[in-house]
């Protein structure tokens, strides 16, 4: 029985490591999306600024 438990613990540990890796990958992707949204927001702000300058003229 101890032999089986040892393999079971290794299996569970491997699964938890895989889940942890996937969560890290998701976190990285969300960070990339957040960066892209920030860049888009910056560009929209620049466009808004330009439109404001045009309307003042």
C-alpha atoms as a PDB file:
ATOM      1  CA  UNK A   1       0.000   0.000   0.000  1.00  0.00           C
ATOM      2  CA  UNK A   2       2.810   2.411   0.791  1.00  0.00           C
ATOM      3  CA  UNK A   3       4.172   1.849  -2.699  1.00  0.00           C
ATOM      4  CA  UNK A   4       0.841   2.819  -4.251  1.00  0.00           C
ATOM      5  CA  UNK A   5       0.530   5.895  -2.045  1.00  0.00           C
ATOM      6  CA  UNK A   6       3.978   7.036  -3.104  1.00  0.00           C
ATOM      7  CA  UNK A   7       3.012   6.911  -6.771  1.00  0.00           C
ATOM      8  CA  UNK A   8      -0.314   8.583  -6.007  1.00  0.00           C
ATOM      9  CA  UNK A   9       1.491  11.449  -4.261  1.00  0.00           C
ATOM     10  CA  UNK A  10       3.838  11.834  -7.216  1.00  0.00           C
ATOM     11  CA  UNK A  11       0.828  11.885  -9.571  1.00  0.00           C
ATOM     12  CA  UNK A  12      -0.988  14.511  -7.510  1.00  0.00           C
ATOM     13  CA  UNK A  13       2.174  16.579  -7.258  1.00  0.00           C
ATOM     14  CA  UNK A  14       2.595  16.438 -11.030  1.00  0.00           C
ATOM     15  CA  UNK A  15      -0.998  17.531 -11.580  1.00  0.00           C
ATOM     16  CA  UNK A  16      -0.607  20.448  -9.181  1.00  0.00           C
ATOM     17  CA  UNK A  17       2.578  21.489 -10.961  1.00  0.00           C
ATOM     18  CA  UNK A  18       0.765  21.367 -14.304  1.00  0.00           C
ATOM     19  CA  UNK A  19      -2.092  23.468 -12.935  1.00  0.00           C
ATOM     20  CA  UNK A  20       0.383  25.948 -11.481  1.00  0.00           C
ATOM     21  CA  UNK A  21       2.121  26.220 -14.855  1.00  0.00           C
ATOM     22  CA  UNK A  22      -1.179  26.815 -16.635  1.00  0.00           C
ATOM     23  CA  UNK A  23      -2.165  29.515 -14.145  1.00  0.00           C
ATOM     24  CA  UNK A  24       1.192  31.186 -14.666  1.00  0.00           C
ATOM     25  CA  UNK A  25       0.632  31.121 -18.427  1.00  0.00           C
ATOM     26  CA  UNK A  26      -2.843  32.619 -18.014  1.00  0.00           C
ATOM     27  CA  UNK A  27      -1.427  35.307 -15.726  1.00  0.00           C
ATOM     28  CA  UNK A  28       1.197  36.155 -18.340  1.00  0.00           C
ATOM     29  CA  UNK A  29      -1.450  36.386 -21.059  1.00  0.00           C
ATOM     30  CA  UNK A  30      -3.625  38.640 -18.916  1.00  0.00           C
ATOM     31  CA  UNK A  31      -0.643  40.875 -18.272  1.00  0.00           C
ATOM     32  CA  UNK A  32      -0.011  41.085 -22.021  1.00  0.00           C
ATOM     33  CA  UNK A  33      -3.674  41.944 -22.650  1.00  0.00           C
ATOM     34  CA  UNK A  34      -3.535  44.589 -19.922  1.00  0.00           C
ATOM     35  CA  UNK A  35      -0.460  46.113 -21.548  1.00  0.00           C
ATOM     36  CA  UNK A  36      -2.175  46.181 -24.941  1.00  0.00           C
ATOM     37  CA  UNK A  37      -5.282  47.819 -23.467  1.00  0.00           C
ATOM     38  CA  UNK A  38      -3.098  50.443 -21.834  1.00  0.00           C
ATOM     39  CA  UNK A  39      -1.435  51.140 -25.175  1.00  0.00           C
ATOM     40  CA  UNK A  40      -4.842  51.458 -26.867  1.00  0.00           C
ATOM     41  CA  UNK A  41      -6.017  53.789 -24.107  1.00  0.00           C
ATOM     42  CA  UNK A  42      -2.932  55.928 -24.615  1.00  0.00           C
ATOM     43  CA  UNK A  43      -3.551  56.096 -28.354  1.00  0.00           C
ATOM     44  CA  UNK A  44      -7.197  57.052 -27.829  1.00  0.00           C
ATOM     45  CA  UNK A  45      -6.118  59.793 -25.450  1.00  0.00           C
ATOM     46  CA  UNK A  46      -3.699  61.093 -28.076  1.00  0.00           C
ATOM     47  CA  UNK A  47      -6.457  61.077 -30.705  1.00  0.00           C
ATOM     48  CA  UNK A  48      -8.796  62.880 -28.303  1.00  0.00           C
ATOM     49  CA  UNK A  49      -6.117  65.475 -27.663  1.00  0.00           C
ATOM     50  CA  UNK A  50      -5.611  66.007 -31.398  1.00  0.00           C
ATOM     51  CA  UNK A  51      -9.356  66.347 -31.996  1.00  0.00           C
ATOM     52  CA  UNK A  52      -9.566  68.885 -29.202  1.00  0.00           C
ATOM     53  CA  UNK A  53      -6.732  70.858 -30.768  1.00  0.00           C
ATOM     54  CA  UNK A  54      -8.492  70.770 -34.149  1.00  0.00           C
ATOM     55  CA  UNK A  55     -11.782  71.955 -32.650  1.00  0.00           C
ATOM     56  CA  UNK A  56     -10.021  74.899 -31.000  1.00  0.00           C
ATOM     57  CA  UNK A  57      -8.704  75.986 -34.361  1.00  0.00           C
END
